[in-house]
Amino acid sequence: MSKTICIVDGYSTGAELAPLFRKEGWRCVHIQSNPVIPGDYLLSFRPETFDKHLILKDHSPAAMRELAVSLAFYGPTFIIPGTETGVELADF
């Protein structure tokens, strides 16, 4: 069974995390905390470094439940923020 880590908003310097974890044998799932990536972070995002990409549609209870069900499929060992915008969701 592979180890899975989820990175919330893997932008800016957080974009460096997935390649490092993948090098150590981790499966990396990206969680986008908002439907649109903030413009300041758009150029730093490298989706090809992730095994899966999940997007939180909105912050409604239904969307949060849907994300939780999707995450349960991957059984993440850790959920960490990649940048400041991902802190709140990673802590949830």
PDB file of N, CA and C in Angstrom:
ATOM      1  N   MET A   1       0.851  -1.178   0.000  1.00  0.00           N
ATOM      2  CA  MET A   1       0.000   0.000   0.000  1.00  0.00           C
ATOM      3  C   MET A   1       0.894   1.238   0.000  1.00  0.00           C
ATOM      4  N   SER A   2       0.595   2.184  -0.891  1.00  0.00           N
ATOM      5  CA  SER A   2       1.429   3.377  -0.947  1.00  0.00           C
ATOM      6  C   SER A   2       0.981   4.402   0.083  1.00  0.00           C
ATOM      7  N   LYS A   3       1.923   5.178   0.522  1.00  0.00           N
ATOM      8  CA  LYS A   3       1.642   6.251   1.468  1.00  0.00           C
ATOM      9  C   LYS A   3       1.076   7.416   0.669  1.00  0.00           C
ATOM     10  N   THR A   4       0.076   8.074   1.239  1.00  0.00           N
ATOM     11  CA  THR A   4      -0.555   9.196   0.554  1.00  0.00           C
ATOM     12  C   THR A   4      -0.484  10.435   1.411  1.00  0.00           C
ATOM     13  N   ILE A   5      -0.088  11.538   0.780  1.00  0.00           N
ATOM     14  CA  ILE A   5      -0.117  12.837   1.425  1.00  0.00           C
ATOM     15  C   ILE A   5      -0.965  13.766   0.562  1.00  0.00           C
ATOM     16  N   CYS A   6      -1.775  14.584   1.228  1.00  0.00           N
ATOM     17  CA  CYS A   6      -2.570  15.587   0.528  1.00  0.00           C
ATOM     18  C   CYS A   6      -1.969  16.950   0.817  1.00  0.00           C
ATOM     19  N   ILE A   7      -1.822  17.719  -0.233  1.00  0.00           N
ATOM     20  CA  ILE A   7      -1.286  19.072  -0.110  1.00  0.00           C
ATOM     21  C   ILE A   7      -2.380  20.033  -0.543  1.00  0.00           C
ATOM     22  N   VAL A   8      -2.793  20.889   0.383  1.00  0.00           N
ATOM     23  CA  VAL A   8      -3.837  21.866   0.089  1.00  0.00           C
ATOM     24  C   VAL A   8      -3.189  23.123  -0.466  1.00  0.00           C
ATOM     25  N   ASP A   9      -3.588  23.483  -1.663  1.00  0.00           N
ATOM     26  CA  ASP A   9      -3.061  24.672  -2.338  1.00  0.00           C
ATOM     27  C   ASP A   9      -1.539  24.598  -2.471  1.00  0.00           C
ATOM     28  N   GLY A  10      -1.090  23.673  -3.269  1.00  0.00           N
ATOM     29  CA  GLY A  10       0.343  23.474  -3.498  1.00  0.00           C
ATOM     30  C   GLY A  10       0.911  24.492  -4.466  1.00  0.00           C
ATOM     31  N   TYR A  11       0.892  25.745  -4.042  1.00  0.00           N
ATOM     32  CA  TYR A  11       1.351  26.851  -4.880  1.00  0.00           C
ATOM     33  C   TYR A  11       2.578  27.497  -4.256  1.00  0.00           C
ATOM     34  N   SER A  12       3.180  28.404  -4.995  1.00  0.00           N
ATOM     35  CA  SER A  12       4.329  29.164  -4.526  1.00  0.00           C
ATOM     36  C   SER A  12       5.412  28.178  -4.073  1.00  0.00           C
ATOM     37  N   THR A  13       6.000  28.370  -2.908  1.00  0.00           N
ATOM     38  CA  THR A  13       7.023  27.423  -2.451  1.00  0.00           C
ATOM     39  C   THR A  13       6.416  26.055  -2.157  1.00  0.00           C
ATOM     40  N   GLY A  14       5.106  26.003  -1.900  1.00  0.00           N
ATOM     41  CA  GLY A  14       4.419  24.728  -1.686  1.00  0.00           C
ATOM     42  C   GLY A  14       4.411  23.849  -2.920  1.00  0.00           C
ATOM     43  N   ALA A  15       4.675  24.446  -4.072  1.00  0.00           N
ATOM     44  CA  ALA A  15       4.750  23.665  -5.309  1.00  0.00           C
ATOM     45  C   ALA A  15       5.962  22.738  -5.317  1.00  0.00           C
ATOM     46  N   GLU A  16       6.900  22.987  -4.431  1.00  0.00           N
ATOM     47  CA  GLU A  16       8.099  22.143  -4.345  1.00  0.00           C
ATOM     48  C   GLU A  16       7.866  20.879  -3.518  1.00  0.00           C
ATOM     49  N   LEU A  17       6.758  20.816  -2.789  1.00  0.00           N
ATOM     50  CA  LEU A  17       6.526  19.694  -1.876  1.00  0.00           C
ATOM     51  C   LEU A  17       6.245  18.377  -2.587  1.00  0.00           C
ATOM     52  N   ALA A  18       5.334  18.377  -3.545  1.00  0.00           N
ATOM     53  CA  ALA A  18       4.954  17.121  -4.208  1.00  0.00           C
ATOM     54  C   ALA A  18       6.152  16.408  -4.832  1.00  0.00           C
ATOM     55  N   PRO A  19       7.011  17.088  -5.588  1.00  0.00           N
ATOM     56  CA  PRO A  19       8.170  16.371  -6.152  1.00  0.00           C
ATOM     57  C   PRO A  19       9.051  15.732  -5.070  1.00  0.00           C
ATOM     58  N   LEU A  20       9.206  16.422  -3.952  1.00  0.00           N
ATOM     59  CA  LEU A  20      10.024  15.865  -2.862  1.00  0.00           C
ATOM     60  C   LEU A  20       9.376  14.624  -2.258  1.00  0.00           C
ATOM     61  N   PHE A  21       8.071  14.688  -2.012  1.00  0.00           N
ATOM     62  CA  PHE A  21       7.384  13.525  -1.442  1.00  0.00           C
ATOM     63  C   PHE A  21       7.338  12.368  -2.436  1.00  0.00           C
ATOM     64  N   ARG A  22       7.084  12.657  -3.695  1.00  0.00           N
ATOM     65  CA  ARG A  22       7.023  11.588  -4.706  1.00  0.00           C
ATOM     66  C   ARG A  22       8.373  10.877  -4.824  1.00  0.00           C
ATOM     67  N   LYS A  23       9.436  11.627  -4.699  1.00  0.00           N
ATOM     68  CA  LYS A  23      10.787  11.047  -4.752  1.00  0.00           C
ATOM     69  C   LYS A  23      10.983  10.021  -3.637  1.00  0.00           C
ATOM     70  N   GLU A  24      10.284  10.219  -2.530  1.00  0.00           N
ATOM     71  CA  GLU A  24      10.376   9.307  -1.380  1.00  0.00           C
ATOM     72  C   GLU A  24       9.288   8.235  -1.388  1.00  0.00           C
ATOM     73  N   GLY A  25       8.554   8.120  -2.491  1.00  0.00           N
ATOM     74  CA  GLY A  25       7.576   7.052  -2.643  1.00  0.00           C
ATOM     75  C   GLY A  25       6.155   7.376  -2.209  1.00  0.00           C
ATOM     76  N   TRP A  26       5.864   8.633  -1.973  1.00  0.00           N
ATOM     77  CA  TRP A  26       4.524   9.032  -1.564  1.00  0.00           C
ATOM     78  C   TRP A  26       3.647   9.294  -2.779  1.00  0.00           C
ATOM     79  N   ARG A  27       2.375   8.925  -2.660  1.00  0.00           N
ATOM     80  CA  ARG A  27       1.362   9.341  -3.627  1.00  0.00           C
ATOM     81  C   ARG A  27       0.897  10.720  -3.167  1.00  0.00           C
ATOM     82  N   CYS A  28       0.823  11.685  -4.082  1.00  0.00           N
ATOM     83  CA  CYS A  28       0.476  13.065  -3.726  1.00  0.00           C
ATOM     84  C   CYS A  28      -0.856  13.466  -4.349  1.00  0.00           C
ATOM     85  N   VAL A  29      -1.757  13.903  -3.496  1.00  0.00           N
ATOM     86  CA  VAL A  29      -3.065  14.381  -3.927  1.00  0.00           C
ATOM     87  C   VAL A  29      -3.123  15.873  -3.649  1.00  0.00           C
ATOM     88  N   HIS A  30      -3.484  16.622  -4.669  1.00  0.00           N
ATOM     89  CA  HIS A  30      -3.621  18.074  -4.494  1.00  0.00           C
ATOM     90  C   HIS A  30      -5.080  18.409  -4.204  1.00  0.00           C
ATOM     91  N   ILE A  31      -5.289  19.252  -3.207  1.00  0.00           N
ATOM     92  CA  ILE A  31      -6.617  19.753  -2.896  1.00  0.00           C
ATOM     93  C   ILE A  31      -6.598  21.250  -3.150  1.00  0.00           C
ATOM     94  N   GLN A  32      -7.451  21.679  -4.042  1.00  0.00           N
ATOM     95  CA  GLN A  32      -7.576  23.101  -4.350  1.00  0.00           C
ATOM     96  C   GLN A  32      -8.707  23.647  -3.481  1.00  0.00           C
ATOM     97  N   SER A  33      -8.399  24.609  -2.616  1.00  0.00           N
ATOM     98  CA  SER A  33      -9.371  25.061  -1.617  1.00  0.00           C
ATOM     99  C   SER A  33     -10.455  25.981  -2.168  1.00  0.00           C
ATOM    100  N   ASN A  34     -10.294  26.452  -3.380  1.00  0.00           N
ATOM    101  CA  ASN A  34     -11.287  27.305  -4.033  1.00  0.00           C
ATOM    102  C   ASN A  34     -11.367  26.920  -5.502  1.00  0.00           C
ATOM    103  N   PRO A  35     -12.522  27.134  -6.133  1.00  0.00           N
ATOM    104  CA  PRO A  35     -12.660  26.753  -7.544  1.00  0.00           C
ATOM    105  C   PRO A  35     -11.668  27.435  -8.479  1.00  0.00           C
ATOM    106  N   VAL A  36     -11.221  28.633  -8.119  1.00  0.00           N
ATOM    107  CA  VAL A  36     -10.287  29.376  -8.963  1.00  0.00           C
ATOM    108  C   VAL A  36      -8.978  29.582  -8.200  1.00  0.00           C
ATOM    109  N   ILE A  37      -7.875  29.247  -8.832  1.00  0.00           N
ATOM    110  CA  ILE A  37      -6.562  29.474  -8.224  1.00  0.00           C
ATOM    111  C   ILE A  37      -6.282  30.975  -8.243  1.00  0.00           C
ATOM    112  N   PRO A  38      -5.901  31.551  -7.102  1.00  0.00           N
ATOM    113  CA  PRO A  38      -5.592  32.982  -7.080  1.00  0.00           C
ATOM    114  C   PRO A  38      -4.514  33.334  -8.116  1.00  0.00           C
ATOM    115  N   GLY A  39      -4.704  34.466  -8.787  1.00  0.00           N
ATOM    116  CA  GLY A  39      -3.812  34.880  -9.863  1.00  0.00           C
ATOM    117  C   GLY A  39      -2.343  34.903  -9.487  1.00  0.00           C
ATOM    118  N   ASP A  40      -2.044  35.327  -8.257  1.00  0.00           N
ATOM    119  CA  ASP A  40      -0.648  35.388  -7.815  1.00  0.00           C
ATOM    120  C   ASP A  40       0.013  34.009  -7.757  1.00  0.00           C
ATOM    121  N   TYR A  41      -0.790  32.961  -7.658  1.00  0.00           N
ATOM    122  CA  TYR A  41      -0.257  31.606  -7.512  1.00  0.00           C
ATOM    123  C   TYR A  41      -0.363  30.765  -8.784  1.00  0.00           C
ATOM    124  N   LEU A  42      -1.104  31.247  -9.745  1.00  0.00           N
ATOM    125  CA  LEU A  42      -1.405  30.440 -10.927  1.00  0.00           C
ATOM    126  C   LEU A  42      -0.155  29.931 -11.652  1.00  0.00           C
ATOM    127  N   LEU A  43       0.823  30.765 -11.839  1.00  0.00           N
ATOM    128  CA  LEU A  43       2.020  30.357 -12.580  1.00  0.00           C
ATOM    129  C   LEU A  43       2.905  29.376 -11.817  1.00  0.00           C
ATOM    130  N   SER A  44       2.785  29.353 -10.496  1.00  0.00           N
ATOM    131  CA  SER A  44       3.628  28.441  -9.711  1.00  0.00           C
ATOM    132  C   SER A  44       3.038  27.036  -9.581  1.00  0.00           C
ATOM    133  N   PHE A  45       1.767  26.866  -9.904  1.00  0.00           N
ATOM    134  CA  PHE A  45       1.117  25.561  -9.750  1.00  0.00           C
ATOM    135  C   PHE A  45       1.551  24.616 -10.854  1.00  0.00           C
ATOM    136  N   ARG A  46       1.977  23.413 -10.433  1.00  0.00           N
ATOM    137  CA  ARG A  46       2.430  22.396 -11.383  1.00  0.00           C
ATOM    138  C   ARG A  46       1.596  21.128 -11.200  1.00  0.00           C
ATOM    139  N   PRO A  47       0.436  21.048 -11.850  1.00  0.00           N
ATOM    140  CA  PRO A  47      -0.465  19.912 -11.639  1.00  0.00           C
ATOM    141  C   PRO A  47       0.144  18.562 -12.000  1.00  0.00           C
ATOM    142  N   GLU A  48       1.116  18.548 -12.895  1.00  0.00           N
ATOM    143  CA  GLU A  48       1.723  17.283 -13.320  1.00  0.00           C
ATOM    144  C   GLU A  48       2.526  16.611 -12.209  1.00  0.00           C
ATOM    145  N   THR A  49       2.800  17.324 -11.128  1.00  0.00           N
ATOM    146  CA  THR A  49       3.559  16.722 -10.030  1.00  0.00           C
ATOM    147  C   THR A  49       2.670  15.974  -9.046  1.00  0.00           C
ATOM    148  N   PHE A  50       1.355  16.008  -9.279  1.00  0.00           N
ATOM    149  CA  PHE A  50       0.403  15.339  -8.388  1.00  0.00           C
ATOM    150  C   PHE A  50      -0.223  14.132  -9.066  1.00  0.00           C
ATOM    151  N   ASP A  51      -0.578  13.141  -8.273  1.00  0.00           N
ATOM    152  CA  ASP A  51      -1.235  11.946  -8.794  1.00  0.00           C
ATOM    153  C   ASP A  51      -2.730  12.162  -8.999  1.00  0.00           C
ATOM    154  N   LYS A  52      -3.290  13.059  -8.225  1.00  0.00           N
ATOM    155  CA  LYS A  52      -4.728  13.349  -8.312  1.00  0.00           C
ATOM    156  C   LYS A  52      -4.946  14.795  -7.907  1.00  0.00           C
ATOM    157  N   HIS A  53      -5.987  15.394  -8.470  1.00  0.00           N
ATOM    158  CA  HIS A  53      -6.299  16.797  -8.190  1.00  0.00           C
ATOM    159  C   HIS A  53      -7.775  16.885  -7.806  1.00  0.00           C
ATOM    160  N   LEU A  54      -8.058  17.347  -6.597  1.00  0.00           N
ATOM    161  CA  LEU A  54      -9.425  17.517  -6.118  1.00  0.00           C
ATOM    162  C   LEU A  54      -9.693  19.004  -5.917  1.00  0.00           C
ATOM    163  N   ILE A  55     -10.897  19.428  -6.246  1.00  0.00           N
ATOM    164  CA  ILE A  55     -11.256  20.839  -6.107  1.00  0.00           C
ATOM    165  C   ILE A  55     -12.465  20.954  -5.185  1.00  0.00           C
ATOM    166  N   LEU A  56     -12.334  21.778  -4.155  1.00  0.00           N
ATOM    167  CA  LEU A  56     -13.460  22.076  -3.276  1.00  0.00           C
ATOM    168  C   LEU A  56     -14.324  23.104  -3.996  1.00  0.00           C
ATOM    169  N   LYS A  57     -15.550  22.710  -4.331  1.00  0.00           N
ATOM    170  CA  LYS A  57     -16.439  23.566  -5.136  1.00  0.00           C
ATOM    171  C   LYS A  57     -16.807  24.852  -4.419  1.00  0.00           C
ATOM    172  N   ASP A  58     -17.069  24.725  -3.145  1.00  0.00           N
ATOM    173  CA  ASP A  58     -17.391  25.875  -2.294  1.00  0.00           C
ATOM    174  C   ASP A  58     -17.207  25.404  -0.861  1.00  0.00           C
ATOM    175  N   HIS A  59     -17.521  26.232   0.092  1.00  0.00           N
ATOM    176  CA  HIS A  59     -17.285  25.859   1.491  1.00  0.00           C
ATOM    177  C   HIS A  59     -18.568  25.452   2.201  1.00  0.00           C
ATOM    178  N   SER A  60     -19.532  24.979   1.432  1.00  0.00           N
ATOM    179  CA  SER A  60     -20.793  24.510   2.005  1.00  0.00           C
ATOM    180  C   SER A  60     -20.584  23.160   2.681  1.00  0.00           C
ATOM    181  N   PRO A  61     -21.450  22.811   3.624  1.00  0.00           N
ATOM    182  CA  PRO A  61     -21.333  21.490   4.252  1.00  0.00           C
ATOM    183  C   PRO A  61     -21.391  20.345   3.237  1.00  0.00           C
ATOM    184  N   ALA A  62     -22.221  20.480   2.218  1.00  0.00           N
ATOM    185  CA  ALA A  62     -22.328  19.418   1.204  1.00  0.00           C
ATOM    186  C   ALA A  62     -21.020  19.250   0.439  1.00  0.00           C
ATOM    187  N   ALA A  63     -20.403  20.362   0.063  1.00  0.00           N
ATOM    188  CA  ALA A  63     -19.121  20.291  -0.664  1.00  0.00           C
ATOM    189  C   ALA A  63     -18.024  19.723   0.222  1.00  0.00           C
ATOM    190  N   MET A  64     -18.044  20.081   1.501  1.00  0.00           N
ATOM    191  CA  MET A  64     -17.044  19.542   2.439  1.00  0.00           C
ATOM    192  C   MET A  64     -17.225  18.027   2.603  1.00  0.00           C
ATOM    193  N   ARG A  65     -18.479  17.575   2.680  1.00  0.00           N
ATOM    194  CA  ARG A  65     -18.737  16.129   2.777  1.00  0.00           C
ATOM    195  C   ARG A  65     -18.251  15.411   1.518  1.00  0.00           C
ATOM    196  N   GLU A  66     -18.519  16.005   0.366  1.00  0.00           N
ATOM    197  CA  GLU A  66     -18.080  15.407  -0.896  1.00  0.00           C
ATOM    198  C   GLU A  66     -16.557  15.285  -0.940  1.00  0.00           C
ATOM    199  N   LEU A  67     -15.869  16.312  -0.485  1.00  0.00           N
ATOM    200  CA  LEU A  67     -14.409  16.264  -0.434  1.00  0.00           C
ATOM    201  C   LEU A  67     -13.941  15.181   0.536  1.00  0.00           C
ATOM    202  N   ALA A  68     -14.592  15.088   1.688  1.00  0.00           N
ATOM    203  CA  ALA A  68     -14.214  14.073   2.678  1.00  0.00           C
ATOM    204  C   ALA A  68     -14.379  12.661   2.112  1.00  0.00           C
ATOM    205  N   VAL A  69     -15.446  12.427   1.370  1.00  0.00           N
ATOM    206  CA  VAL A  69     -15.667  11.112   0.755  1.00  0.00           C
ATOM    207  C   VAL A  69     -14.563  10.822  -0.266  1.00  0.00           C
ATOM    208  N   SER A  70     -14.226  11.822  -1.071  1.00  0.00           N
ATOM    209  CA  SER A  70     -13.153  11.644  -2.059  1.00  0.00           C
ATOM    210  C   SER A  70     -11.826  11.343  -1.374  1.00  0.00           C
ATOM    211  N   LEU A  71     -11.542  12.063  -0.295  1.00  0.00           N
ATOM    212  CA  LEU A  71     -10.293  11.847   0.429  1.00  0.00           C
ATOM    213  C   LEU A  71     -10.239  10.472   1.087  1.00  0.00           C
ATOM    214  N   ALA A  72     -11.365  10.006   1.570  1.00  0.00           N
ATOM    215  CA  ALA A  72     -11.406   8.691   2.223  1.00  0.00           C
ATOM    216  C   ALA A  72     -10.946   7.593   1.257  1.00  0.00           C
ATOM    217  N   PHE A  73     -11.239   7.755  -0.005  1.00  0.00           N
ATOM    218  CA  PHE A  73     -10.816   6.782  -1.010  1.00  0.00           C
ATOM    219  C   PHE A  73      -9.293   6.642  -1.032  1.00  0.00           C
ATOM    220  N   TYR A  74      -8.585   7.746  -0.833  1.00  0.00           N
ATOM    221  CA  TYR A  74      -7.124   7.738  -0.884  1.00  0.00           C
ATOM    222  C   TYR A  74      -6.476   7.420   0.462  1.00  0.00           C
ATOM    223  N   GLY A  75      -7.224   7.541   1.545  1.00  0.00           N
ATOM    224  CA  GLY A  75      -6.685   7.224   2.862  1.00  0.00           C
ATOM    225  C   GLY A  75      -5.412   7.962   3.200  1.00  0.00           C
ATOM    226  N   PRO A  76      -5.437   9.301   3.131  1.00  0.00           N
ATOM    227  CA  PRO A  76      -4.191  10.045   3.360  1.00  0.00           C
ATOM    228  C   PRO A  76      -3.627   9.868   4.759  1.00  0.00           C
ATOM    229  N   THR A  77      -2.315   9.787   4.833  1.00  0.00           N
ATOM    230  CA  THR A  77      -1.613   9.736   6.111  1.00  0.00           C
ATOM    231  C   THR A  77      -1.527  11.139   6.696  1.00  0.00           C
ATOM    232  N   PHE A  78      -1.303  12.112   5.816  1.00  0.00           N
ATOM    233  CA  PHE A  78      -1.179  13.513   6.226  1.00  0.00           C
ATOM    234  C   PHE A  78      -1.937  14.403   5.259  1.00  0.00           C
ATOM    235  N   ILE A  79      -2.441  15.510   5.780  1.00  0.00           N
ATOM    236  CA  ILE A  79      -3.008  16.585   4.971  1.00  0.00           C
ATOM    237  C   ILE A  79      -2.314  17.852   5.444  1.00  0.00           C
ATOM    238  N   ILE A  80      -1.576  18.481   4.535  1.00  0.00           N
ATOM    239  CA  ILE A  80      -0.785  19.653   4.917  1.00  0.00           C
ATOM    240  C   ILE A  80      -1.082  20.820   3.970  1.00  0.00           C
ATOM    241  N   PRO A  81      -0.909  22.057   4.446  1.00  0.00           N
ATOM    242  CA  PRO A  81      -1.066  23.195   3.541  1.00  0.00           C
ATOM    243  C   PRO A  81       0.197  23.382   2.706  1.00  0.00           C
ATOM    244  N   GLY A  82      -0.003  23.803   1.464  1.00  0.00           N
ATOM    245  CA  GLY A  82       1.133  24.109   0.615  1.00  0.00           C
ATOM    246  C   GLY A  82       1.475  25.579   0.667  1.00  0.00           C
ATOM    247  N   THR A  83       0.482  26.379   0.950  1.00  0.00           N
ATOM    248  CA  THR A  83       0.667  27.828   1.079  1.00  0.00           C
ATOM    249  C   THR A  83      -0.399  28.356   2.033  1.00  0.00           C
ATOM    250  N   GLU A  84      -0.304  29.617   2.351  1.00  0.00           N
ATOM    251  CA  GLU A  84      -1.179  30.223   3.369  1.00  0.00           C
ATOM    252  C   GLU A  84      -2.668  30.011   3.084  1.00  0.00           C
ATOM    253  N   THR A  85      -3.061  30.042   1.823  1.00  0.00           N
ATOM    254  CA  THR A  85      -4.483  29.870   1.484  1.00  0.00           C
ATOM    255  C   THR A  85      -5.003  28.480   1.826  1.00  0.00           C
ATOM    256  N   GLY A  86      -4.124  27.521   2.033  1.00  0.00           N
ATOM    257  CA  GLY A  86      -4.536  26.157   2.334  1.00  0.00           C
ATOM    258  C   GLY A  86      -4.569  25.794   3.798  1.00  0.00           C
ATOM    259  N   VAL A  87      -4.166  26.730   4.660  1.00  0.00           N
ATOM    260  CA  VAL A  87      -4.045  26.423   6.092  1.00  0.00           C
ATOM    261  C   VAL A  87      -5.390  26.052   6.715  1.00  0.00           C
ATOM    262  N   GLU A  88      -6.399  26.857   6.491  1.00  0.00           N
ATOM    263  CA  GLU A  88      -7.701  26.617   7.137  1.00  0.00           C
ATOM    264  C   GLU A  88      -8.285  25.260   6.743  1.00  0.00           C
ATOM    265  N   LEU A  89      -8.260  24.932   5.457  1.00  0.00           N
ATOM    266  CA  LEU A  89      -8.817  23.652   5.008  1.00  0.00           C
ATOM    267  C   LEU A  89      -7.967  22.483   5.496  1.00  0.00           C
ATOM    268  N   ALA A  90      -6.663  22.622   5.496  1.00  0.00           N
ATOM    269  CA  ALA A  90      -5.784  21.547   5.981  1.00  0.00           C
ATOM    270  C   ALA A  90      -6.027  21.272   7.459  1.00  0.00           C
ATOM    271  N   ASP A  91      -6.323  22.312   8.221  1.00  0.00           N
ATOM    272  CA  ASP A  91      -6.600  22.145   9.650  1.00  0.00           C
ATOM    273  C   ASP A  91      -7.969  21.550   9.915  1.00  0.00           C
ATOM    274  N   PHE A  92      -8.882  21.680   8.952  1.00  0.00           N
ATOM    275  CA  PHE A  92     -10.241  21.189   9.120  1.00  0.00           C
ATOM    276  C   PHE A  92     -10.214  19.689   9.269  1.00  0.00           C
TER     277      PHE A  92
END
